Amino acid sequence: MGKKYTGYLGSYTKKTSEGIYRFTLDTEQKKITDVEVAVKLNNPTYLAVSHNNDYVYAVSQEGEEGGIAAFSVSNGNLEKLNSEVTAGAPPCHVSVDSRNRLVVAANYHTKQVETFLTNEDGSIQAPKSVTHEGSGPHERQEKPHLHFAGYTPDEKYVVVVDLGSDTITTYSPNGDELQEVNVLTVKAGSGPRHIAFHPTAPYAYVMTEISNEVIVLKYDENTGSFEEVQYVATIPEDFTENNQGSAIHLSSDGKFVYVGNRGHDSIAVYRIAADYSVELVKYTHTEGNWPRDFVLDPSEQFIVAANQESGTLTLFERDSETGKLTLLQKDVEAPEAVCVKFLHA
């Protein structure tokens, strides 16, 4: 008997999108249905779902201010609790720890990582921030551009990935204060964007946006430090058009890495070897333009990709033995969708 899973879409609201969208994945029918507006919000470009499924935290823009909005979840419906915004552009990434105690956000424009303590009802308090410094050799690296802020698997540390200065910084959270623990500088001009941790081994995988590579890192959970192991291209050698690496996700069995390519418009599948290095399995076209994000559904039998420029979702079935993706459904209308999340099973 197939299950139905509730998903949410973050979006830009520059054209026709109205905010956060909700959809259903029917695993028996193997199709996406009921894409509809869940809540109206300006530019909710990234979302985080609390581990208990009670709350959703969304990037939000309010006039000339940006920050995070908190919502309670009831039968898939979203009800706004509150928002905390400050002057300047909104963040581009948000995460929350498993106890729903601390929300962290990375801001591409303001050079800051922000921390928001939560209240008992799931609402958030005013943020504290840490400002990054630095730059890189590429024209897009004139200053720090923080693109990810999230937790290590044991939640001992917060990890911040900075595209602008080619750094991955580990912080120790103390309440809502972040204390710097370690900084890894990766290959100059690579532009690291997002990081995903191996489910059982001390390794992490980074997607770069500028150099279009997966970086395999060894992770020391005692010191919060990283060590470079491998760099692997995410696009074919003969592809010379503009490409910008996007999302990266691992299967929970630790066997496969999936990454998104905007421009090549593909999801690249990598097998994780015994030594935790990666080797390419296959490129799969996302049947749309500019796949900014994708997600494995709770059963991990499916992947849903969000094509930002074509405003569509694409559904794939995933082979858990080979990692390969098979197209099931394409051209599902989803205006300016740039983030995909599911309620946890």
C-alpha atoms as a PDB file:
ATOM      1  CA  MET A   1       0.000   0.000   0.000  1.00  0.00           C
ATOM      2  CA  GLY A   2       1.533   3.288  -1.053  1.00  0.00           C
ATOM      3  CA  LYS A   3       1.757   6.279   1.215  1.00  0.00           C
ATOM      4  CA  LYS A   4       1.085   9.930   0.598  1.00  0.00           C
ATOM      5  CA  TYR A   5       3.743  12.384   1.698  1.00  0.00           C
ATOM      6  CA  THR A   6       3.295  16.126   2.165  1.00  0.00           C
ATOM      7  CA  GLY A   7       5.967  18.356   0.654  1.00  0.00           C
ATOM      8  CA  TYR A   8       6.621  22.098   0.633  1.00  0.00           C
ATOM      9  CA  LEU A   9       8.219  24.359  -1.939  1.00  0.00           C
ATOM     10  CA  GLY A  10      10.183  27.498  -1.226  1.00  0.00           C
ATOM     11  CA  SER A  11      10.168  30.010  -4.074  1.00  0.00           C
ATOM     12  CA  TYR A  12      11.120  33.385  -5.403  1.00  0.00           C
ATOM     13  CA  THR A  13       8.117  35.675  -5.746  1.00  0.00           C
ATOM     14  CA  LYS A  14       9.498  37.899  -8.494  1.00  0.00           C
ATOM     15  CA  LYS A  15       7.075  36.756 -11.213  1.00  0.00           C
ATOM     16  CA  THR A  16       3.943  34.693 -10.508  1.00  0.00           C
ATOM     17  CA  SER A  17       4.730  32.761  -7.316  1.00  0.00           C
ATOM     18  CA  GLU A  18       2.793  33.774  -4.190  1.00  0.00           C
ATOM     19  CA  GLY A  19       4.952  32.196  -1.488  1.00  0.00           C
ATOM     20  CA  ILE A  20       5.302  28.732   0.026  1.00  0.00           C
ATOM     21  CA  TYR A  21       3.537  25.952  -1.886  1.00  0.00           C
ATOM     22  CA  ARG A  22       2.352  22.569  -0.652  1.00  0.00           C
ATOM     23  CA  PHE A  23       2.106  19.377  -2.696  1.00  0.00           C
ATOM     24  CA  THR A  24       1.393  15.685  -2.244  1.00  0.00           C
ATOM     25  CA  LEU A  25       3.553  12.782  -3.403  1.00  0.00           C
ATOM     26  CA  ASP A  26       1.374   9.712  -3.924  1.00  0.00           C
ATOM     27  CA  THR A  27       3.795   6.767  -3.814  1.00  0.00           C
ATOM     28  CA  GLU A  28       1.181   4.278  -4.985  1.00  0.00           C
ATOM     29  CA  GLN A  29       0.176   6.312  -8.060  1.00  0.00           C
ATOM     30  CA  LYS A  30       3.806   7.470  -8.384  1.00  0.00           C
ATOM     31  CA  LYS A  31       2.832  11.045  -9.053  1.00  0.00           C
ATOM     32  CA  ILE A  32       2.871  14.558  -7.621  1.00  0.00           C
ATOM     33  CA  THR A  33      -0.572  16.054  -7.036  1.00  0.00           C
ATOM     34  CA  ASP A  34      -2.283  19.067  -5.475  1.00  0.00           C
ATOM     35  CA  VAL A  35       0.358  21.762  -5.849  1.00  0.00           C
ATOM     36  CA  GLU A  36      -1.208  24.773  -4.124  1.00  0.00           C
ATOM     37  CA  VAL A  37      -0.299  27.895  -2.162  1.00  0.00           C
ATOM     38  CA  ALA A  38       0.256  27.000   1.494  1.00  0.00           C
ATOM     39  CA  VAL A  39       0.935  30.532   2.692  1.00  0.00           C
ATOM     40  CA  LYS A  40       1.616  33.866   0.994  1.00  0.00           C
ATOM     41  CA  LEU A  41       5.105  35.179   1.745  1.00  0.00           C
ATOM     42  CA  ASN A  42       7.715  37.282  -0.045  1.00  0.00           C
ATOM     43  CA  ASN A  43      10.673  35.313  -1.432  1.00  0.00           C
ATOM     44  CA  PRO A  44      10.622  32.280   0.889  1.00  0.00           C
ATOM     45  CA  THR A  45      13.599  30.840  -0.967  1.00  0.00           C
ATOM     46  CA  TYR A  46      14.588  28.206   1.591  1.00  0.00           C
ATOM     47  CA  LEU A  47      12.708  26.188   4.186  1.00  0.00           C
ATOM     48  CA  ALA A  48      13.508  24.000   7.182  1.00  0.00           C
ATOM     49  CA  VAL A  49      11.058  21.485   8.648  1.00  0.00           C
ATOM     50  CA  SER A  50      11.447  20.702  12.357  1.00  0.00           C
ATOM     51  CA  HIS A  51      12.264  17.075  13.154  1.00  0.00           C
ATOM     52  CA  ASN A  52       8.913  16.586  14.900  1.00  0.00           C
ATOM     53  CA  ASN A  53       7.053  18.094  11.899  1.00  0.00           C
ATOM     54  CA  ASP A  54       5.434  20.715  14.143  1.00  0.00           C
ATOM     55  CA  TYR A  55       7.137  23.756  12.613  1.00  0.00           C
ATOM     56  CA  VAL A  56       8.432  25.168   9.345  1.00  0.00           C
ATOM     57  CA  TYR A  57      11.014  27.959   9.288  1.00  0.00           C
ATOM     58  CA  ALA A  58      11.231  29.990   6.090  1.00  0.00           C
ATOM     59  CA  VAL A  59      13.454  32.672   4.653  1.00  0.00           C
ATOM     60  CA  SER A  60      11.329  35.794   4.385  1.00  0.00           C
ATOM     61  CA  GLN A  61      11.496  39.304   2.956  1.00  0.00           C
ATOM     62  CA  GLU A  62       9.449  42.133   4.427  1.00  0.00           C
ATOM     63  CA  GLY A  63       9.932  45.368   2.515  1.00  0.00           C
ATOM     64  CA  GLU A  64      13.573  46.418   2.851  1.00  0.00           C
ATOM     65  CA  GLU A  65      14.199  43.869   5.604  1.00  0.00           C
ATOM     66  CA  GLY A  66      14.954  40.175   5.576  1.00  0.00           C
ATOM     67  CA  GLY A  67      14.955  37.344   8.064  1.00  0.00           C
ATOM     68  CA  ILE A  68      13.121  34.208   9.090  1.00  0.00           C
ATOM     69  CA  ALA A  69       9.405  33.474   9.531  1.00  0.00           C
ATOM     70  CA  ALA A  70       8.145  30.701  11.830  1.00  0.00           C
ATOM     71  CA  PHE A  71       5.034  28.624  11.107  1.00  0.00           C
ATOM     72  CA  SER A  72       3.188  25.913  12.976  1.00  0.00           C
ATOM     73  CA  VAL A  73       2.108  22.853  10.988  1.00  0.00           C
ATOM     74  CA  SER A  74      -1.352  21.291  11.381  1.00  0.00           C
ATOM     75  CA  ASN A  75      -2.575  18.662   8.901  1.00  0.00           C
ATOM     76  CA  GLY A  76      -0.157  20.107   6.396  1.00  0.00           C
ATOM     77  CA  ASN A  77      -1.503  23.637   6.858  1.00  0.00           C
ATOM     78  CA  LEU A  78       0.870  26.429   7.838  1.00  0.00           C
ATOM     79  CA  GLU A  79      -0.059  29.092  10.364  1.00  0.00           C
ATOM     80  CA  LYS A  80       2.337  31.963  10.971  1.00  0.00           C
ATOM     81  CA  LEU A  81       3.708  32.297  14.491  1.00  0.00           C
ATOM     82  CA  ASN A  82       6.001  35.276  13.995  1.00  0.00           C
ATOM     83  CA  SER A  83       8.945  36.596  12.015  1.00  0.00           C
ATOM     84  CA  GLU A  84      12.214  38.278  12.893  1.00  0.00           C
ATOM     85  CA  VAL A  85      13.714  40.567  10.274  1.00  0.00           C
ATOM     86  CA  THR A  86      16.550  43.064  10.115  1.00  0.00           C
ATOM     87  CA  ALA A  87      17.644  45.663   7.549  1.00  0.00           C
ATOM     88  CA  GLY A  88      19.079  44.222   4.364  1.00  0.00           C
ATOM     89  CA  ALA A  89      18.573  41.277   2.051  1.00  0.00           C
ATOM     90  CA  PRO A  90      17.014  38.063   3.406  1.00  0.00           C
ATOM     91  CA  PRO A  91      19.117  34.946   4.094  1.00  0.00           C
ATOM     92  CA  CYS A  92      19.415  32.172   1.489  1.00  0.00           C
ATOM     93  CA  HIS A  93      19.524  29.115   3.775  1.00  0.00           C
ATOM     94  CA  VAL A  94      17.952  28.066   7.075  1.00  0.00           C
ATOM     95  CA  SER A  95      18.285  25.022   9.353  1.00  0.00           C
ATOM     96  CA  VAL A  96      16.983  23.964  12.756  1.00  0.00           C
ATOM     97  CA  ASP A  97      18.407  21.476  15.254  1.00  0.00           C
ATOM     98  CA  SER A  98      16.589  18.238  16.164  1.00  0.00           C
ATOM     99  CA  ARG A  99      15.370  19.610  19.513  1.00  0.00           C
ATOM    100  CA  ASN A 100      13.960  22.697  17.839  1.00  0.00           C
ATOM    101  CA  ARG A 101      16.033  24.943  20.082  1.00  0.00           C
ATOM    102  CA  LEU A 102      18.116  26.969  17.626  1.00  0.00           C
ATOM    103  CA  VAL A 103      17.449  28.126  14.069  1.00  0.00           C
ATOM    104  CA  VAL A 104      20.520  29.116  12.019  1.00  0.00           C
ATOM    105  CA  ALA A 105      20.527  31.080   8.767  1.00  0.00           C
ATOM    106  CA  ALA A 106      23.202  31.933   6.185  1.00  0.00           C
ATOM    107  CA  ASN A 107      23.030  35.247   4.357  1.00  0.00           C
ATOM    108  CA  TYR A 108      24.588  35.473   0.881  1.00  0.00           C
ATOM    109  CA  HIS A 109      24.445  39.277   0.782  1.00  0.00           C
ATOM    110  CA  THR A 110      25.150  40.564   4.301  1.00  0.00           C
ATOM    111  CA  LYS A 111      28.145  38.273   5.047  1.00  0.00           C
ATOM    112  CA  GLN A 112      26.411  37.079   8.223  1.00  0.00           C
ATOM    113  CA  VAL A 113      25.359  33.834   9.852  1.00  0.00           C
ATOM    114  CA  GLU A 114      22.403  34.440  12.160  1.00  0.00           C
ATOM    115  CA  THR A 115      21.109  32.439  15.115  1.00  0.00           C
ATOM    116  CA  PHE A 116      17.528  32.545  16.388  1.00  0.00           C
ATOM    117  CA  LEU A 117      16.584  30.937  19.699  1.00  0.00           C
ATOM    118  CA  THR A 118      13.099  29.434  19.610  1.00  0.00           C
ATOM    119  CA  ASN A 119      10.312  29.841  22.153  1.00  0.00           C
ATOM    120  CA  GLU A 120       8.244  26.951  23.518  1.00  0.00           C
ATOM    121  CA  ASP A 121       5.509  27.565  20.951  1.00  0.00           C
ATOM    122  CA  GLY A 122       8.015  27.322  18.079  1.00  0.00           C
ATOM    123  CA  SER A 123       8.210  31.067  17.439  1.00  0.00           C
ATOM    124  CA  ILE A 124      11.648  32.663  17.187  1.00  0.00           C
ATOM    125  CA  GLN A 125      13.516  35.345  19.108  1.00  0.00           C
ATOM    126  CA  ALA A 126      15.530  38.239  17.682  1.00  0.00           C
ATOM    127  CA  PRO A 127      18.748  37.025  16.040  1.00  0.00           C
ATOM    128  CA  LYS A 128      22.386  37.320  16.943  1.00  0.00           C
ATOM    129  CA  SER A 129      24.908  37.359  14.134  1.00  0.00           C
ATOM    130  CA  VAL A 130      28.525  36.684  13.228  1.00  0.00           C
ATOM    131  CA  THR A 131      30.052  38.493  10.242  1.00  0.00           C
ATOM    132  CA  HIS A 132      32.487  36.759   7.886  1.00  0.00           C
ATOM    133  CA  GLU A 133      35.420  38.418   6.118  1.00  0.00           C
ATOM    134  CA  GLY A 134      37.398  37.342   3.084  1.00  0.00           C
ATOM    135  CA  SER A 135      37.248  36.992  -0.691  1.00  0.00           C
ATOM    136  CA  GLY A 136      38.330  34.752  -3.551  1.00  0.00           C
ATOM    137  CA  PRO A 137      39.849  35.016  -7.049  1.00  0.00           C
ATOM    138  CA  HIS A 138      36.600  34.675  -9.033  1.00  0.00           C
ATOM    139  CA  GLU A 139      34.587  37.761 -10.028  1.00  0.00           C
ATOM    140  CA  ARG A 140      31.711  36.532  -7.848  1.00  0.00           C
ATOM    141  CA  GLN A 141      33.998  36.267  -4.811  1.00  0.00           C
ATOM    142  CA  GLU A 142      34.498  39.976  -4.091  1.00  0.00           C
ATOM    143  CA  LYS A 143      33.298  39.390  -0.506  1.00  0.00           C
ATOM    144  CA  PRO A 144      31.919  36.573   1.661  1.00  0.00           C
ATOM    145  CA  HIS A 145      28.769  34.942   0.284  1.00  0.00           C
ATOM    146  CA  LEU A 146      27.432  32.565   2.928  1.00  0.00           C
ATOM    147  CA  HIS A 147      25.290  29.889   1.281  1.00  0.00           C
ATOM    148  CA  PHE A 148      24.701  27.235   3.950  1.00  0.00           C
ATOM    149  CA  ALA A 149      24.365  27.076   7.724  1.00  0.00           C
ATOM    150  CA  GLY A 150      23.488  23.754   9.312  1.00  0.00           C
ATOM    151  CA  TYR A 151      24.438  21.157  11.882  1.00  0.00           C
ATOM    152  CA  THR A 152      26.961  18.348  12.104  1.00  0.00           C
ATOM    153  CA  PRO A 153      25.295  14.938  12.636  1.00  0.00           C
ATOM    154  CA  ASP A 154      25.850  15.030  16.425  1.00  0.00           C
ATOM    155  CA  GLU A 155      24.763  18.705  16.463  1.00  0.00           C
ATOM    156  CA  LYS A 156      27.875  19.579  18.437  1.00  0.00           C
ATOM    157  CA  TYR A 157      28.776  22.131  15.777  1.00  0.00           C
ATOM    158  CA  VAL A 158      27.205  24.518  13.279  1.00  0.00           C
ATOM    159  CA  VAL A 159      28.847  24.430   9.842  1.00  0.00           C
ATOM    160  CA  VAL A 160      28.821  27.502   7.592  1.00  0.00           C
ATOM    161  CA  VAL A 161      29.757  27.243   3.908  1.00  0.00           C
ATOM    162  CA  ASP A 162      31.015  30.467   2.319  1.00  0.00           C
ATOM    163  CA  LEU A 163      31.030  30.611  -1.491  1.00  0.00           C
ATOM    164  CA  GLY A 164      32.730  34.011  -1.488  1.00  0.00           C
ATOM    165  CA  SER A 165      35.861  33.129   0.460  1.00  0.00           C
ATOM    166  CA  ASP A 166      36.137  29.391  -0.323  1.00  0.00           C
ATOM    167  CA  THR A 167      35.792  28.459   3.340  1.00  0.00           C
ATOM    168  CA  ILE A 168      33.944  25.978   5.513  1.00  0.00           C
ATOM    169  CA  THR A 169      33.762  27.236   9.082  1.00  0.00           C
ATOM    170  CA  THR A 170      32.810  25.215  12.138  1.00  0.00           C
ATOM    171  CA  TYR A 171      31.215  26.973  15.097  1.00  0.00           C
ATOM    172  CA  SER A 172      30.335  25.771  18.573  1.00  0.00           C
ATOM    173  CA  PRO A 173      26.869  27.004  19.563  1.00  0.00           C
ATOM    174  CA  ASN A 174      26.434  28.260  23.126  1.00  0.00           C
ATOM    175  CA  GLY A 175      22.826  29.325  23.430  1.00  0.00           C
ATOM    176  CA  ASP A 176      22.529  31.628  20.444  1.00  0.00           C
ATOM    177  CA  GLU A 177      26.208  32.626  20.522  1.00  0.00           C
ATOM    178  CA  LEU A 178      28.503  31.051  17.923  1.00  0.00           C
ATOM    179  CA  GLN A 179      32.156  30.497  18.772  1.00  0.00           C
ATOM    180  CA  GLU A 180      34.522  29.769  15.897  1.00  0.00           C
ATOM    181  CA  VAL A 181      36.198  26.385  16.186  1.00  0.00           C
ATOM    182  CA  ASN A 182      37.820  25.658  12.852  1.00  0.00           C
ATOM    183  CA  VAL A 183      38.155  27.035   9.300  1.00  0.00           C
ATOM    184  CA  LEU A 184      38.965  24.950   6.228  1.00  0.00           C
ATOM    185  CA  THR A 185      39.977  26.846   3.097  1.00  0.00           C
ATOM    186  CA  VAL A 186      39.234  24.770  -0.008  1.00  0.00           C
ATOM    187  CA  LYS A 187      40.568  25.196  -3.538  1.00  0.00           C
ATOM    188  CA  ALA A 188      40.678  28.871  -4.542  1.00  0.00           C
ATOM    189  CA  GLY A 189      37.841  29.876  -6.828  1.00  0.00           C
ATOM    190  CA  SER A 190      35.792  26.723  -6.233  1.00  0.00           C
ATOM    191  CA  GLY A 191      32.906  28.543  -4.553  1.00  0.00           C
ATOM    192  CA  PRO A 192      31.597  25.937  -2.076  1.00  0.00           C
ATOM    193  CA  ARG A 193      27.819  26.091  -1.712  1.00  0.00           C
ATOM    194  CA  HIS A 194      26.231  23.237   0.301  1.00  0.00           C
ATOM    195  CA  ILE A 195      27.506  20.378   2.477  1.00  0.00           C
ATOM    196  CA  ALA A 196      25.981  16.981   3.309  1.00  0.00           C
ATOM    197  CA  PHE A 197      27.298  14.503   5.870  1.00  0.00           C
ATOM    198  CA  HIS A 198      27.662  10.752   5.513  1.00  0.00           C
ATOM    199  CA  PRO A 199      25.046   9.032   7.731  1.00  0.00           C
ATOM    200  CA  THR A 200      27.457   6.666   9.528  1.00  0.00           C
ATOM    201  CA  ALA A 201      31.075   7.526   8.651  1.00  0.00           C
ATOM    202  CA  PRO A 202      33.143  10.641   9.494  1.00  0.00           C
ATOM    203  CA  TYR A 203      32.953  12.100   5.995  1.00  0.00           C
ATOM    204  CA  ALA A 204      31.170  15.014   4.356  1.00  0.00           C
ATOM    205  CA  TYR A 205      30.483  15.999   0.757  1.00  0.00           C
ATOM    206  CA  VAL A 206      30.467  19.574  -0.556  1.00  0.00           C
ATOM    207  CA  MET A 207      28.948  20.868  -3.798  1.00  0.00           C
ATOM    208  CA  THR A 208      30.786  23.800  -5.352  1.00  0.00           C
ATOM    209  CA  GLU A 209      28.874  26.362  -7.382  1.00  0.00           C
ATOM    210  CA  ILE A 210      31.693  27.983  -9.365  1.00  0.00           C
ATOM    211  CA  SER A 211      34.065  25.090 -10.169  1.00  0.00           C
ATOM    212  CA  ASN A 212      31.236  22.499 -10.388  1.00  0.00           C
ATOM    213  CA  GLU A 213      32.846  19.840  -8.228  1.00  0.00           C
ATOM    214  CA  VAL A 214      32.067  17.511  -5.367  1.00  0.00           C
ATOM    215  CA  ILE A 215      34.638  17.830  -2.594  1.00  0.00           C
ATOM    216  CA  VAL A 216      34.997  14.774  -0.362  1.00  0.00           C
ATOM    217  CA  LEU A 217      36.069  15.743   3.160  1.00  0.00           C
ATOM    218  CA  LYS A 218      37.192  13.688   6.130  1.00  0.00           C
ATOM    219  CA  TYR A 219      35.545  15.041   9.249  1.00  0.00           C
ATOM    220  CA  ASP A 220      36.966  14.943  12.793  1.00  0.00           C
ATOM    221  CA  GLU A 221      33.979  15.100  15.121  1.00  0.00           C
ATOM    222  CA  ASN A 222      36.225  15.731  18.139  1.00  0.00           C
ATOM    223  CA  THR A 223      37.864  18.882  16.789  1.00  0.00           C
ATOM    224  CA  GLY A 224      35.196  19.961  14.298  1.00  0.00           C
ATOM    225  CA  SER A 225      37.838  20.076  11.562  1.00  0.00           C
ATOM    226  CA  PHE A 226      37.809  18.895   7.946  1.00  0.00           C
ATOM    227  CA  GLU A 227      40.483  17.500   5.640  1.00  0.00           C
ATOM    228  CA  GLU A 228      40.261  17.405   1.829  1.00  0.00           C
ATOM    229  CA  VAL A 229      40.232  13.923   0.284  1.00  0.00           C
ATOM    230  CA  GLN A 230      38.989  14.237  -3.299  1.00  0.00           C
ATOM    231  CA  TYR A 231      37.681  16.666  -5.947  1.00  0.00           C
ATOM    232  CA  VAL A 232      35.407  15.296  -8.678  1.00  0.00           C
ATOM    233  CA  ALA A 233      33.806  17.211 -11.558  1.00  0.00           C
ATOM    234  CA  THR A 234      29.997  17.319 -11.641  1.00  0.00           C
ATOM    235  CA  ILE A 235      29.628  18.070 -15.364  1.00  0.00           C
ATOM    236  CA  PRO A 236      31.085  16.365 -18.444  1.00  0.00           C
ATOM    237  CA  GLU A 237      34.461  17.644 -19.678  1.00  0.00           C
ATOM    238  CA  ASP A 238      32.978  18.654 -23.032  1.00  0.00           C
ATOM    239  CA  PHE A 239      30.221  20.806 -21.490  1.00  0.00           C
ATOM    240  CA  THR A 240      31.455  24.384 -21.904  1.00  0.00           C
ATOM    241  CA  GLU A 241      28.297  26.431 -21.331  1.00  0.00           C
ATOM    242  CA  ASN A 242      27.467  28.207 -18.077  1.00  0.00           C
ATOM    243  CA  ASN A 243      26.843  25.806 -15.208  1.00  0.00           C
ATOM    244  CA  GLN A 244      26.360  26.518 -11.522  1.00  0.00           C
ATOM    245  CA  GLY A 245      26.357  23.674  -9.016  1.00  0.00           C
ATOM    246  CA  SER A 246      23.326  23.655  -6.734  1.00  0.00           C
ATOM    247  CA  ALA A 247      22.125  21.108  -4.165  1.00  0.00           C
ATOM    248  CA  ILE A 248      23.751  17.991  -2.720  1.00  0.00           C
ATOM    249  CA  HIS A 249      22.065  15.113  -0.859  1.00  0.00           C
ATOM    250  CA  LEU A 250      23.050  11.619   0.283  1.00  0.00           C
ATOM    251  CA  SER A 251      20.932   8.501   0.508  1.00  0.00           C
ATOM    252  CA  SER A 252      20.502   7.417   4.132  1.00  0.00           C
ATOM    253  CA  ASP A 253      22.225   4.064   3.457  1.00  0.00           C
ATOM    254  CA  GLY A 254      25.398   6.032   2.684  1.00  0.00           C
ATOM    255  CA  LYS A 255      25.754   4.491  -0.773  1.00  0.00           C
ATOM    256  CA  PHE A 256      25.013   7.406  -3.106  1.00  0.00           C
ATOM    257  CA  VAL A 257      25.578  11.148  -3.506  1.00  0.00           C
ATOM    258  CA  TYR A 258      23.231  13.224  -5.676  1.00  0.00           C
ATOM    259  CA  VAL A 259      24.074  16.732  -6.905  1.00  0.00           C
ATOM    260  CA  GLY A 260      22.257  19.321  -9.004  1.00  0.00           C
ATOM    261  CA  ASN A 261      23.682  21.125 -12.042  1.00  0.00           C
ATOM    262  CA  ARG A 262      22.055  24.367 -13.210  1.00  0.00           C
ATOM    263  CA  GLY A 263      22.914  24.935 -16.854  1.00  0.00           C
ATOM    264  CA  HIS A 264      23.703  21.320 -17.654  1.00  0.00           C
ATOM    265  CA  ASP A 265      20.235  20.852 -16.072  1.00  0.00           C
ATOM    266  CA  SER A 266      20.996  17.489 -14.560  1.00  0.00           C
ATOM    267  CA  ILE A 267      21.240  15.489 -11.384  1.00  0.00           C
ATOM    268  CA  ALA A 268      24.576  13.697 -11.232  1.00  0.00           C
ATOM    269  CA  VAL A 269      24.632  10.397  -9.340  1.00  0.00           C
ATOM    270  CA  TYR A 270      27.784   9.202  -7.575  1.00  0.00           C
ATOM    271  CA  ARG A 271      28.481   5.903  -5.877  1.00  0.00           C
ATOM    272  CA  ILE A 272      30.316   6.126  -2.560  1.00  0.00           C
ATOM    273  CA  ALA A 273      33.251   3.699  -2.542  1.00  0.00           C
ATOM    274  CA  ALA A 274      34.572   1.691   0.392  1.00  0.00           C
ATOM    275  CA  ASP A 275      37.101   4.452   1.142  1.00  0.00           C
ATOM    276  CA  TYR A 276      34.259   7.054   0.943  1.00  0.00           C
ATOM    277  CA  SER A 277      35.553   8.586  -2.278  1.00  0.00           C
ATOM    278  CA  VAL A 278      32.989   8.961  -5.059  1.00  0.00           C
ATOM    279  CA  GLU A 279      32.700   7.794  -8.654  1.00  0.00           C
ATOM    280  CA  LEU A 280      30.201   8.959 -11.245  1.00  0.00           C
ATOM    281  CA  VAL A 281      27.313   6.632 -12.053  1.00  0.00           C
ATOM    282  CA  LYS A 282      25.191   8.720 -14.412  1.00  0.00           C
ATOM    283  CA  TYR A 283      23.831  12.140 -15.349  1.00  0.00           C
ATOM    284  CA  THR A 284      20.041  12.438 -15.510  1.00  0.00           C
ATOM    285  CA  HIS A 285      18.393  15.403 -17.213  1.00  0.00           C
ATOM    286  CA  THR A 286      15.879  17.165 -14.956  1.00  0.00           C
ATOM    287  CA  GLU A 287      13.458  17.818 -17.847  1.00  0.00           C
ATOM    288  CA  GLY A 288      13.434  21.490 -16.895  1.00  0.00           C
ATOM    289  CA  ASN A 289      15.559  24.594 -16.696  1.00  0.00           C
ATOM    290  CA  TRP A 290      17.896  25.489 -13.787  1.00  0.00           C
ATOM    291  CA  PRO A 291      17.358  22.759 -11.126  1.00  0.00           C
ATOM    292  CA  ARG A 292      18.173  24.725  -7.997  1.00  0.00           C
ATOM    293  CA  ASP A 293      17.087  22.036  -5.558  1.00  0.00           C
ATOM    294  CA  PHE A 294      15.831  18.478  -5.269  1.00  0.00           C
ATOM    295  CA  VAL A 295      14.977  16.121  -2.419  1.00  0.00           C
ATOM    296  CA  LEU A 296      14.740  12.416  -1.665  1.00  0.00           C
ATOM    297  CA  ASP A 297      11.252  11.618  -0.397  1.00  0.00           C
ATOM    298  CA  PRO A 298      10.882   9.976   3.058  1.00  0.00           C
ATOM    299  CA  SER A 299      10.840   6.483   1.519  1.00  0.00           C
ATOM    300  CA  GLU A 300      13.876   7.376  -0.629  1.00  0.00           C
ATOM    301  CA  GLN A 301      12.217   5.566  -3.533  1.00  0.00           C
ATOM    302  CA  PHE A 302      11.712   8.897  -5.296  1.00  0.00           C
ATOM    303  CA  ILE A 303      13.446  12.207  -5.993  1.00  0.00           C
ATOM    304  CA  VAL A 304      11.599  15.468  -6.662  1.00  0.00           C
ATOM    305  CA  ALA A 305      13.537  18.156  -8.545  1.00  0.00           C
ATOM    306  CA  ALA A 306      12.602  21.852  -8.654  1.00  0.00           C
ATOM    307  CA  ASN A 307      13.461  23.643 -11.914  1.00  0.00           C
ATOM    308  CA  GLN A 308      13.560  27.349 -11.063  1.00  0.00           C
ATOM    309  CA  GLU A 309      13.537  28.946 -14.517  1.00  0.00           C
ATOM    310  CA  SER A 310      10.936  26.665 -16.076  1.00  0.00           C
ATOM    311  CA  GLY A 311       8.806  26.761 -12.902  1.00  0.00           C
ATOM    312  CA  THR A 312       8.326  22.996 -12.852  1.00  0.00           C
ATOM    313  CA  LEU A 313       8.761  19.919 -10.693  1.00  0.00           C
ATOM    314  CA  THR A 314      10.066  16.623 -12.024  1.00  0.00           C
ATOM    315  CA  LEU A 315       9.507  13.258 -10.313  1.00  0.00           C
ATOM    316  CA  PHE A 316      11.993  10.395 -10.585  1.00  0.00           C
ATOM    317  CA  GLU A 317      11.956   6.863  -9.230  1.00  0.00           C
ATOM    318  CA  ARG A 318      15.239   5.890  -7.571  1.00  0.00           C
ATOM    319  CA  ASP A 319      16.866   2.469  -7.795  1.00  0.00           C
ATOM    320  CA  SER A 320      18.346   1.849  -4.352  1.00  0.00           C
ATOM    321  CA  GLU A 321      20.809  -0.734  -5.738  1.00  0.00           C
ATOM    322  CA  THR A 322      22.259   1.254  -8.639  1.00  0.00           C
ATOM    323  CA  GLY A 323      21.354   4.780  -7.531  1.00  0.00           C
ATOM    324  CA  LYS A 324      19.982   5.521 -10.993  1.00  0.00           C
ATOM    325  CA  LEU A 325      16.917   7.678 -11.628  1.00  0.00           C
ATOM    326  CA  THR A 326      13.973   6.912 -13.923  1.00  0.00           C
ATOM    327  CA  LEU A 327      11.637   9.672 -15.094  1.00  0.00           C
ATOM    328  CA  LEU A 328       8.044   9.328 -13.890  1.00  0.00           C
ATOM    329  CA  GLN A 329       6.512  12.783 -14.244  1.00  0.00           C
ATOM    330  CA  LYS A 330       7.605  16.168 -15.591  1.00  0.00           C
ATOM    331  CA  ASP A 331       6.295  19.681 -16.219  1.00  0.00           C
ATOM    332  CA  VAL A 332       4.383  19.806 -12.912  1.00  0.00           C
ATOM    333  CA  GLU A 333       3.667  23.516 -12.524  1.00  0.00           C
ATOM    334  CA  ALA A 334       5.445  25.090  -9.540  1.00  0.00           C
ATOM    335  CA  PRO A 335       6.180  28.803 -10.063  1.00  0.00           C
ATOM    336  CA  GLU A 336       9.783  29.862  -9.340  1.00  0.00           C
ATOM    337  CA  ALA A 337      10.325  26.846  -7.063  1.00  0.00           C
ATOM    338  CA  VAL A 338      13.822  26.850  -5.564  1.00  0.00           C
ATOM    339  CA  CYS A 339      13.602  24.611  -2.472  1.00  0.00           C
ATOM    340  CA  VAL A 340      11.891  21.259  -1.841  1.00  0.00           C
ATOM    341  CA  LYS A 341      11.245  19.748   1.603  1.00  0.00           C
ATOM    342  CA  PHE A 342       9.056  16.935   2.929  1.00  0.00           C
ATOM    343  CA  LEU A 343       7.478  16.438   6.311  1.00  0.00           C
ATOM    344  CA  HIS A 344       9.521  13.668   7.937  1.00  0.00           C
ATOM    345  CA  ALA A 345       8.053  10.149   7.902  1.00  0.00           C
END
